Amino acid sequence: MDETTLKGLEAALRVNPDNAPLLKIVLEACRDAQLWARGLALVHATPAEPAVAQVAAELALGAGDGKRALELAPAGTIVKARACLALELRPEGIHHYRAAIAANPTLEEPALEDALGLKVRSIETPGGPKLRVIANDYTASREADRLVDTPQKKVTFADVGGLDEVKAQIHKRIILPFQKPSLFQKFRKRVGGGILMFGPPGCGKTLLARATAGECNATFLSVAISDVLDMYIGESERKLHAIFEKARATTPAVLFFDELEALAGKRQHSREATSAKLVSQFLAEMDGFTQNNENVLVLGATNVPWAVDSAFRRPGRFDRVQFVPPPDRAARQSILELVLAGRPIAPGIDVAALAAKTSGFSGADLEHLVETGADEAISRSLAQAIESPISGADLERASKEVKPTALEWLTTARNYARYANESGQYDDVLRWLEQHGKV
């Protein structure tokens, strides 16, 4: 409603102040335009018509006058409950909220329930004290909303040092279907699906997942264990479902589960039935009868693929498995150059020679090596009271101090690859071990 029309209606209301329908129209116009004080000034007494009184109370709440809103709001309405909340009268607010919902269930507001404390219930225990517990009987979409568009900068394959073969496989299997959907539809190839990345810790699985999302220009949802697991029975499954629903609503989307074994561990090893139920829910979300995961790519990363339930390896779920090995010599040099970029370094540092001396180092180990060298340079700068760049000697000393962390994993993986490889799922590990002669 424009200003001229509103002024005309206000003039008509001054001539006929008892005209309830006209008052309601004017008050609603002020409420919609957020003219709280202007609309409230037109209310001289509590309107007899409940609908008019409710709008008047909404204006009072908007103006920050909770006491006036409480006087104007009809009993058993949502606005009455809000007025009680504004005045911290929670028991009365709960009473009015429940009355309003009983009359009209469509008015239910989870956020208002939270604010009123309706999620806290008292339970009488026989012969014991009264307990107050939180009843998580719904999973709000806002829990999934915060997973979308994490504040980290966009990452592409250019930010990932080495791993050229892995990046080529990901480009062929994952990125191209997103970039050329029409071609894949002609061949009746599904866009999306699941891919499981495994390998030693610190070798770039998480970074590859972010880079994949960046290359696809897709929404990236990074799911941590704490985003799913909940102490209340059934709530973990609800949260997992909400996360998948968010991904389906924001396609194309990449849904990334780090430390996958915590959510998808083998059910026969689970001590609690709730863990098995979560695994079953996960499986149903990935390819359930009623789910449509078109344009949703599910990425999983784990250091212990042998701990993941075998049902996830079935075609249609994580049907593509990618081994992410420790970086080779060329990859280590590329990683070191990326990590050193932007830091004050002395001229003449032989990065190639340093890469040759760090066989078995993961990407995280190499970053730690540079950080250790930077510590030496900072200490020297403080002692000399002048900036001293990172030198080759700093990095040389750091390479002797920092130890590779991937060797222990490779020893364990070798045993699985040799003695528990009936389906050939660890053939890539065997080939890498034969090629590089590790452990």
Protein backbone atom coordinates (compact mmCIF):
# COMPACT_ATOMS: atom_id res chain seq x y z
CA MET A 1 0.00 0.00 0.00
CA ASP A 2 1.44 3.39 -0.98
CA GLU A 3 1.72 6.36 1.37
CA THR A 4 -1.11 8.35 -0.25
CA THR A 5 -3.59 5.51 0.13
CA LEU A 6 -2.53 4.90 3.73
CA LYS A 7 -2.98 8.58 4.61
CA GLY A 8 -6.43 8.54 3.04
CA LEU A 9 -7.46 5.50 5.09
CA GLU A 10 -6.13 7.11 8.26
CA ALA A 11 -8.22 10.22 7.55
CA ALA A 12 -11.30 8.04 7.04
CA LEU A 13 -10.58 6.24 10.30
CA ARG A 14 -10.40 9.53 12.20
CA VAL A 15 -13.90 10.34 10.91
CA ASN A 16 -15.23 6.87 11.83
CA PRO A 17 -13.01 5.48 14.64
CA ASP A 18 -15.44 2.64 15.49
CA ASN A 19 -15.13 1.04 12.03
CA ALA A 20 -13.40 -2.24 12.97
CA PRO A 21 -12.86 -3.57 9.40
CA LEU A 22 -11.28 -0.26 8.36
CA LEU A 23 -9.08 -0.24 11.48
CA LYS A 24 -7.91 -3.76 10.68
CA ILE A 25 -6.93 -2.76 7.13
CA VAL A 26 -4.97 0.26 8.35
CA LEU A 27 -3.22 -1.68 11.12
CA GLU A 28 -2.26 -4.50 8.72
CA ALA A 29 -0.84 -1.96 6.29
CA CYS A 30 1.27 -0.43 9.05
CA ARG A 31 2.42 -3.88 10.20
CA ASP A 32 3.41 -4.95 6.66
CA ALA A 33 5.35 -1.70 6.20
CA GLN A 34 6.91 -2.10 9.68
CA LEU A 35 5.45 1.24 10.75
CA TRP A 36 5.05 -0.07 14.29
CA ALA A 37 4.65 3.17 16.25
CA ARG A 38 2.45 4.79 13.61
CA GLY A 39 0.01 1.90 13.64
CA LEU A 40 0.05 1.53 17.41
CA ALA A 41 -0.87 5.22 17.81
CA LEU A 42 -4.20 4.45 16.13
CA VAL A 43 -5.15 1.94 18.86
CA HIS A 44 -6.69 3.81 21.79
CA ALA A 45 -8.31 0.82 23.52
CA THR A 46 -8.28 -2.95 23.23
CA PRO A 47 -10.30 -3.74 20.08
CA ALA A 48 -13.34 -5.89 20.61
CA GLU A 49 -12.68 -7.86 17.43
CA PRO A 50 -10.03 -10.58 18.20
CA ALA A 51 -8.51 -10.38 14.70
CA VAL A 52 -8.01 -6.62 15.08
CA ALA A 53 -6.60 -7.05 18.59
CA GLN A 54 -4.10 -9.60 17.30
CA VAL A 55 -2.77 -7.21 14.65
CA ALA A 56 -2.56 -4.44 17.26
CA ALA A 57 -0.52 -6.77 19.52
CA GLU A 58 1.83 -7.57 16.65
CA LEU A 59 2.41 -3.83 16.19
CA ALA A 60 3.19 -3.48 19.90
CA LEU A 61 5.71 -6.34 19.71
CA GLY A 62 7.31 -4.73 16.69
CA ALA A 63 7.59 -1.48 18.62
CA GLY A 64 9.26 -3.33 21.51
CA ASP A 65 6.37 -2.79 23.93
CA GLY A 66 5.85 -6.29 25.34
CA LYS A 67 3.56 -5.09 28.14
CA ARG A 68 1.17 -3.40 25.70
CA ALA A 69 1.28 -6.45 23.42
CA LEU A 70 0.30 -8.68 26.35
CA GLU A 71 -2.70 -6.41 27.10
CA LEU A 72 -3.87 -6.32 23.49
CA ALA A 73 -3.29 -9.95 22.39
CA PRO A 74 -6.26 -12.33 22.63
CA ALA A 75 -5.76 -15.32 24.92
CA GLY A 76 -4.66 -18.61 23.39
CA THR A 77 -2.89 -17.05 20.38
CA ILE A 78 0.65 -17.21 19.07
CA VAL A 79 1.08 -13.47 19.49
CA LYS A 80 0.05 -13.80 23.15
CA ALA A 81 2.76 -16.46 23.59
CA ARG A 82 5.32 -14.14 21.97
CA ALA A 83 4.29 -11.30 24.25
CA CYS A 84 4.75 -13.55 27.29
CA LEU A 85 8.18 -14.55 26.00
CA ALA A 86 9.15 -10.90 25.57
CA LEU A 87 8.29 -10.35 29.23
CA GLU A 88 9.98 -13.65 30.25
CA LEU A 89 6.66 -15.13 31.37
CA ARG A 90 7.47 -18.54 29.93
CA PRO A 91 4.87 -20.69 31.77
CA GLU A 92 2.07 -18.37 30.59
CA GLY A 93 3.61 -18.29 27.13
CA ILE A 94 3.66 -22.09 26.95
CA HIS A 95 -0.01 -22.18 27.99
CA HIS A 96 -1.06 -19.76 25.23
CA TYR A 97 1.16 -21.44 22.65
CA ARG A 98 -0.32 -24.87 23.33
CA ALA A 99 -3.83 -23.47 23.18
CA ALA A 100 -3.09 -21.84 19.82
CA ILE A 101 -1.58 -25.04 18.38
CA ALA A 102 -4.50 -27.12 19.65
CA ALA A 103 -6.87 -24.81 17.77
CA ASN A 104 -4.73 -24.60 14.63
CA PRO A 105 -1.78 -27.03 14.28
CA THR A 106 -0.50 -25.16 11.19
CA LEU A 107 0.71 -22.38 13.49
CA GLU A 108 3.38 -24.61 15.00
CA GLU A 109 6.76 -22.83 15.21
CA PRO A 110 9.82 -24.90 16.26
CA ALA A 111 11.91 -21.76 16.88
CA LEU A 112 9.28 -20.39 19.29
CA GLU A 113 9.10 -23.79 21.02
CA ASP A 114 12.85 -23.62 21.59
CA ALA A 115 12.65 -20.09 22.98
CA LEU A 116 9.80 -21.02 25.32
CA GLY A 117 11.66 -24.07 26.59
CA LEU A 118 9.14 -26.59 25.30
CA LYS A 119 12.02 -28.93 24.51
CA VAL A 120 12.62 -29.36 28.23
CA ARG A 121 10.32 -31.85 29.92
CA SER A 122 9.97 -33.12 33.46
CA ILE A 123 9.93 -36.87 34.02
CA GLU A 124 8.83 -38.49 37.25
CA THR A 125 10.93 -41.54 38.14
CA PRO A 126 9.33 -44.08 40.51
CA GLY A 127 10.78 -43.54 43.93
CA GLY A 128 13.28 -41.05 42.53
CA PRO A 129 13.66 -37.37 41.78
CA LYS A 130 11.97 -35.39 39.04
CA LEU A 131 14.26 -35.23 36.02
CA ARG A 132 14.43 -32.46 33.46
CA VAL A 133 15.47 -33.68 30.01
CA ILE A 134 15.69 -32.15 26.57
CA ALA A 135 13.27 -33.73 24.10
CA ASN A 136 14.84 -33.53 20.64
CA ASP A 137 11.72 -34.53 18.75
CA TYR A 138 12.59 -32.74 15.52
CA THR A 139 15.61 -31.82 13.48
CA ALA A 140 15.41 -28.23 12.32
CA SER A 141 16.61 -27.43 8.82
CA ARG A 142 18.91 -24.78 10.25
CA GLU A 143 21.17 -27.58 11.52
CA ALA A 144 21.80 -28.51 7.89
CA ASP A 145 21.85 -24.90 6.65
CA ARG A 146 25.06 -24.10 8.49
CA LEU A 147 26.89 -26.88 6.60
CA VAL A 148 26.36 -25.12 3.29
CA ASP A 149 28.90 -22.67 1.87
CA THR A 150 31.46 -22.95 4.63
CA PRO A 151 33.50 -19.75 5.04
CA GLN A 152 36.68 -21.25 3.58
CA LYS A 153 37.82 -19.90 0.21
CA LYS A 154 37.09 -21.77 -2.99
CA VAL A 155 39.64 -24.50 -3.72
CA THR A 156 40.44 -26.01 -7.13
CA PHE A 157 42.86 -28.66 -8.37
CA ALA A 158 45.46 -25.92 -8.86
CA ASP A 159 45.66 -25.68 -5.06
CA VAL A 160 46.38 -29.42 -4.71
CA GLY A 161 50.04 -30.33 -5.14
CA GLY A 162 50.72 -33.51 -7.10
CA LEU A 163 48.23 -36.41 -7.17
CA ASP A 164 47.86 -35.90 -10.95
CA GLU A 165 46.62 -39.46 -11.52
CA VAL A 166 44.03 -39.16 -8.76
CA LYS A 167 42.87 -35.78 -10.07
CA ALA A 168 42.55 -37.24 -13.58
CA GLN A 169 40.37 -40.07 -12.27
CA ILE A 170 38.20 -37.66 -10.29
CA HIS A 171 37.85 -35.40 -13.34
CA LYS A 172 36.74 -38.30 -15.52
CA ARG A 173 34.43 -39.96 -13.03
CA ILE A 174 33.01 -37.01 -11.11
CA ILE A 175 33.55 -33.59 -12.66
CA LEU A 176 32.73 -34.38 -16.29
CA PRO A 177 29.26 -35.77 -15.45
CA PHE A 178 28.49 -32.45 -13.74
CA GLN A 179 29.91 -30.37 -16.62
CA LYS A 180 28.44 -32.44 -19.49
CA PRO A 181 25.13 -33.75 -18.12
CA SER A 182 23.43 -34.03 -21.54
CA LEU A 183 26.11 -36.36 -22.90
CA PHE A 184 25.93 -38.60 -19.86
CA GLN A 185 22.13 -38.65 -19.99
CA LYS A 186 22.30 -39.92 -23.57
CA PHE A 187 24.36 -42.84 -22.37
CA ARG A 188 21.99 -43.21 -19.42
CA LYS A 189 24.84 -42.53 -17.01
CA ARG A 190 23.74 -41.17 -13.67
CA VAL A 191 25.15 -37.79 -12.58
CA GLY A 192 26.16 -38.03 -8.95
CA GLY A 193 26.65 -41.20 -6.97
CA GLY A 194 29.36 -41.92 -4.45
CA ILE A 195 33.12 -42.14 -4.31
CA LEU A 196 35.21 -43.32 -1.37
CA MET A 197 38.73 -41.97 -0.93
CA PHE A 198 41.11 -43.81 1.36
CA GLY A 199 44.76 -43.55 2.21
CA PRO A 200 47.20 -42.45 4.91
CA PRO A 201 46.25 -39.46 7.05
CA GLY A 202 47.46 -36.10 5.81
CA CYS A 203 47.70 -37.01 2.11
CA GLY A 204 45.03 -34.64 0.83
CA LYS A 205 41.70 -36.49 0.89
CA THR A 206 39.79 -33.58 2.45
CA LEU A 207 41.55 -31.05 0.22
CA LEU A 208 40.67 -33.15 -2.84
CA ALA A 209 37.02 -33.16 -1.77
CA ARG A 210 36.95 -29.35 -1.52
CA ALA A 211 38.78 -29.04 -4.85
CA THR A 212 36.28 -31.39 -6.48
CA ALA A 213 33.41 -29.18 -5.33
CA GLY A 214 35.30 -26.12 -6.59
CA GLU A 215 35.87 -27.67 -10.00
CA CYS A 216 32.19 -28.66 -10.26
CA ASN A 217 30.94 -25.23 -9.11
CA ALA A 218 28.69 -27.17 -6.78
CA THR A 219 27.36 -26.53 -3.31
CA PHE A 220 29.77 -28.11 -0.84
CA LEU A 221 28.42 -29.58 2.40
CA SER A 222 31.14 -30.79 4.74
CA VAL A 223 29.69 -33.08 7.40
CA ALA A 224 31.57 -33.65 10.64
CA ILE A 225 30.83 -36.50 13.04
CA SER A 226 29.38 -34.05 15.57
CA ASP A 227 26.89 -32.82 12.96
CA VAL A 228 25.23 -36.24 12.92
CA LEU A 229 25.78 -38.13 16.16
CA ASP A 230 23.37 -37.35 18.98
CA MET A 231 22.84 -38.84 22.41
CA TYR A 232 19.08 -39.24 21.91
CA ILE A 233 17.69 -42.31 20.19
CA GLY A 234 16.57 -41.60 16.64
CA GLU A 235 17.98 -38.08 16.51
CA SER A 236 21.16 -39.06 14.64
CA GLU A 237 19.06 -40.62 11.89
CA ARG A 238 16.92 -37.46 11.70
CA LYS A 239 19.99 -35.26 11.38
CA LEU A 240 21.46 -37.45 8.66
CA HIS A 241 18.18 -37.32 6.74
CA ALA A 242 18.05 -33.51 7.09
CA ILE A 243 21.59 -33.21 5.70
CA PHE A 244 20.75 -35.34 2.64
CA GLU A 245 17.51 -33.39 2.12
CA LYS A 246 19.52 -30.15 2.15
CA ALA A 247 21.88 -31.55 -0.48
CA ARG A 248 18.94 -32.64 -2.67
CA ALA A 249 17.43 -29.16 -2.39
CA THR A 250 20.65 -27.37 -3.45
CA THR A 251 21.81 -29.44 -6.43
CA PRO A 252 24.34 -29.73 -7.88
CA ALA A 253 25.83 -30.55 -4.51
CA VAL A 254 28.85 -32.38 -3.11
CA LEU A 255 28.18 -34.00 0.25
CA PHE A 256 31.45 -34.80 2.02
CA PHE A 257 31.77 -37.14 5.00
CA ASP A 258 35.19 -37.08 6.63
CA GLU A 259 36.24 -39.96 8.90
CA LEU A 260 33.48 -42.01 7.30
CA GLU A 261 34.11 -45.10 9.44
CA ALA A 262 32.60 -43.30 12.45
CA LEU A 263 29.21 -43.15 10.69
CA ALA A 264 29.46 -46.20 8.43
CA GLY A 265 31.36 -48.75 10.51
CA LYS A 266 30.79 -52.48 10.16
CA ARG A 267 27.55 -53.39 11.87
CA GLN A 268 28.78 -56.75 13.12
CA HIS A 269 31.38 -54.90 15.21
CA SER A 270 28.87 -52.47 16.69
CA ARG A 271 28.12 -52.91 20.37
CA GLU A 272 24.99 -50.77 20.23
CA ALA A 273 21.88 -51.28 18.12
CA THR A 274 21.66 -47.51 17.59
CA SER A 275 24.92 -47.55 15.60
CA ALA A 276 23.55 -50.25 13.31
CA LYS A 277 20.39 -48.20 12.78
CA LEU A 278 22.45 -45.20 11.76
CA VAL A 279 24.34 -47.30 9.20
CA SER A 280 21.03 -48.58 7.83
CA GLN A 281 19.70 -45.03 7.58
CA PHE A 282 22.88 -43.97 5.75
CA LEU A 283 22.45 -46.80 3.24
CA ALA A 284 18.79 -45.88 2.68
CA GLU A 285 19.67 -42.22 2.10
CA MET A 286 22.27 -43.13 -0.52
CA ASP A 287 19.99 -45.24 -2.71
CA GLY A 288 16.71 -45.78 -0.89
CA PHE A 289 13.52 -46.57 -2.74
CA THR A 290 11.99 -43.14 -2.13
CA GLN A 291 15.14 -41.01 -2.53
CA ASN A 292 16.28 -39.13 -5.61
CA ASN A 293 19.97 -38.27 -5.41
CA GLU A 294 20.34 -37.04 -8.97
CA ASN A 295 23.11 -34.38 -9.14
CA VAL A 296 24.16 -35.19 -5.57
CA LEU A 297 27.70 -36.50 -5.26
CA VAL A 298 28.53 -38.22 -1.98
CA LEU A 299 32.23 -38.18 -1.13
CA GLY A 300 33.62 -40.19 1.76
CA ALA A 301 37.13 -40.14 3.19
CA THR A 302 38.62 -42.64 5.59
CA ASN A 303 41.98 -43.81 6.86
CA VAL A 304 40.61 -47.26 7.67
CA PRO A 305 38.61 -48.56 4.68
CA TRP A 306 38.63 -52.05 6.19
CA ALA A 307 36.44 -50.72 9.02
CA VAL A 308 33.68 -49.46 6.68
CA ASP A 309 30.61 -51.69 6.32
CA SER A 310 30.86 -53.74 3.14
CA ALA A 311 27.30 -52.76 2.12
CA PHE A 312 28.61 -49.30 1.24
CA ARG A 313 30.85 -50.79 -1.47
CA ARG A 314 27.88 -52.07 -3.43
CA PRO A 315 27.27 -50.45 -6.86
CA GLY A 316 24.98 -47.45 -6.47
CA ARG A 317 26.58 -46.38 -3.20
CA PHE A 318 30.35 -45.90 -2.90
CA ASP A 319 30.86 -47.83 -6.11
CA ARG A 320 34.00 -45.88 -7.01
CA VAL A 321 36.95 -46.27 -4.66
CA GLN A 322 40.04 -44.09 -4.99
CA PHE A 323 43.35 -44.71 -3.25
CA VAL A 324 45.06 -41.43 -2.29
CA PRO A 325 48.73 -42.40 -1.75
CA PRO A 326 51.56 -40.45 -0.17
CA PRO A 327 52.95 -37.94 -2.69
CA ASP A 328 55.77 -39.04 -4.99
CA ARG A 329 58.91 -36.97 -5.56
CA ALA A 330 57.36 -34.60 -8.13
CA ALA A 331 54.29 -34.17 -5.97
CA ARG A 332 56.40 -33.43 -2.89
CA GLN A 333 58.25 -30.72 -4.79
CA SER A 334 54.94 -29.21 -5.93
CA ILE A 335 53.57 -29.29 -2.37
CA LEU A 336 56.69 -27.68 -0.93
CA GLU A 337 56.52 -24.90 -3.52
CA LEU A 338 52.86 -24.27 -2.69
CA VAL A 339 53.50 -24.20 1.06
CA LEU A 340 56.56 -21.91 0.71
CA ALA A 341 54.72 -19.48 -1.58
CA GLY A 342 54.09 -16.11 0.07
CA ARG A 343 56.62 -16.66 2.87
CA PRO A 344 59.92 -14.77 3.15
CA ILE A 345 62.50 -17.25 1.82
CA ALA A 346 66.19 -16.88 1.08
CA PRO A 347 67.29 -17.19 -2.57
CA GLY A 348 68.83 -20.42 -3.76
CA ILE A 349 66.70 -22.90 -1.77
CA ASP A 350 66.89 -26.25 -3.59
CA VAL A 351 63.30 -27.46 -3.29
CA ALA A 352 63.94 -30.40 -5.64
CA ALA A 353 66.75 -31.71 -3.41
CA LEU A 354 64.55 -31.32 -0.33
CA ALA A 355 61.76 -33.25 -2.06
CA ALA A 356 64.20 -36.07 -2.82
CA LYS A 357 65.12 -36.34 0.86
CA THR A 358 61.54 -36.54 2.14
CA SER A 359 60.44 -39.88 0.74
CA GLY A 360 57.41 -41.21 2.61
CA PHE A 361 56.30 -37.78 3.83
CA SER A 362 52.61 -36.93 3.51
CA GLY A 363 51.38 -33.50 2.48
CA ALA A 364 50.71 -32.67 6.12
CA ASP A 365 54.26 -33.78 7.03
CA LEU A 366 55.70 -31.45 4.40
CA GLU A 367 53.63 -28.55 5.66
CA HIS A 368 54.84 -29.29 9.18
CA LEU A 369 58.41 -29.37 7.89
CA VAL A 370 58.05 -25.86 6.43
CA GLU A 371 56.36 -24.64 9.63
CA THR A 372 59.30 -25.99 11.65
CA GLY A 373 61.74 -24.20 9.35
CA ALA A 374 59.69 -21.02 9.73
CA ASP A 375 59.98 -21.32 13.53
CA GLU A 376 63.78 -21.31 13.15
CA ALA A 377 63.64 -18.19 10.97
CA ILE A 378 61.29 -16.40 13.38
CA SER A 379 63.55 -17.17 16.36
CA ARG A 380 66.56 -15.87 14.42
CA SER A 381 64.65 -12.73 13.41
CA LEU A 382 63.74 -12.01 17.04
CA ALA A 383 67.34 -12.54 18.18
CA GLN A 384 68.77 -10.30 15.44
CA ALA A 385 65.94 -7.72 15.65
CA ILE A 386 65.62 -7.85 11.86
CA GLU A 387 63.61 -10.07 9.54
CA SER A 388 65.54 -13.15 8.53
CA PRO A 389 63.99 -15.29 5.75
CA ILE A 390 63.64 -19.07 5.78
CA SER A 391 66.91 -20.54 4.57
CA GLY A 392 67.83 -23.86 3.03
CA ALA A 393 69.67 -24.73 6.27
CA ASP A 394 66.45 -24.15 8.25
CA LEU A 395 64.57 -26.60 6.03
CA GLU A 396 67.45 -29.08 6.11
CA ARG A 397 67.41 -29.16 9.91
CA ALA A 398 63.63 -29.41 9.91
CA SER A 399 63.73 -32.40 7.54
CA LYS A 400 65.84 -34.27 10.10
CA GLU A 401 63.55 -33.33 12.97
CA VAL A 402 60.17 -34.06 11.33
CA LYS A 403 59.39 -37.74 10.86
CA PRO A 404 57.03 -39.20 8.23
CA THR A 405 53.70 -40.30 9.64
CA ALA A 406 52.43 -42.40 6.72
CA LEU A 407 54.73 -45.41 7.24
CA GLU A 408 52.70 -46.91 10.08
CA TRP A 409 49.53 -46.76 7.96
CA LEU A 410 51.31 -48.34 5.01
CA THR A 411 52.43 -51.24 7.19
CA THR A 412 48.85 -51.92 8.26
CA ALA A 413 47.52 -51.46 4.72
CA ARG A 414 50.12 -53.89 3.39
CA ASN A 415 48.79 -56.63 5.66
CA TYR A 416 45.21 -56.07 4.52
CA ALA A 417 46.29 -55.86 0.87
CA ARG A 418 48.17 -59.17 1.11
CA TYR A 419 45.89 -61.23 3.34
CA ALA A 420 42.39 -59.71 3.14
CA ASN A 421 42.07 -58.72 -0.50
CA GLU A 422 39.67 -61.35 -1.82
CA SER A 423 37.67 -58.83 -3.87
CA GLY A 424 40.73 -56.95 -5.09
CA GLN A 425 39.73 -53.74 -3.34
CA TYR A 426 43.31 -53.06 -2.23
CA ASP A 427 45.04 -53.79 -5.55
CA ASP A 428 45.97 -50.10 -5.89
CA VAL A 429 47.76 -50.28 -2.55
CA LEU A 430 49.71 -53.35 -3.64
CA ARG A 431 50.74 -51.71 -6.92
CA TRP A 432 51.89 -48.58 -5.10
CA LEU A 433 53.91 -50.61 -2.57
CA GLU A 434 55.56 -52.62 -5.35
CA GLN A 435 56.40 -49.48 -7.30
CA HIS A 436 57.84 -47.53 -4.38
CA GLY A 437 59.21 -50.42 -2.33
CA LYS A 438 57.81 -49.12 0.94
CA VAL A 439 57.58 -51.29 4.07
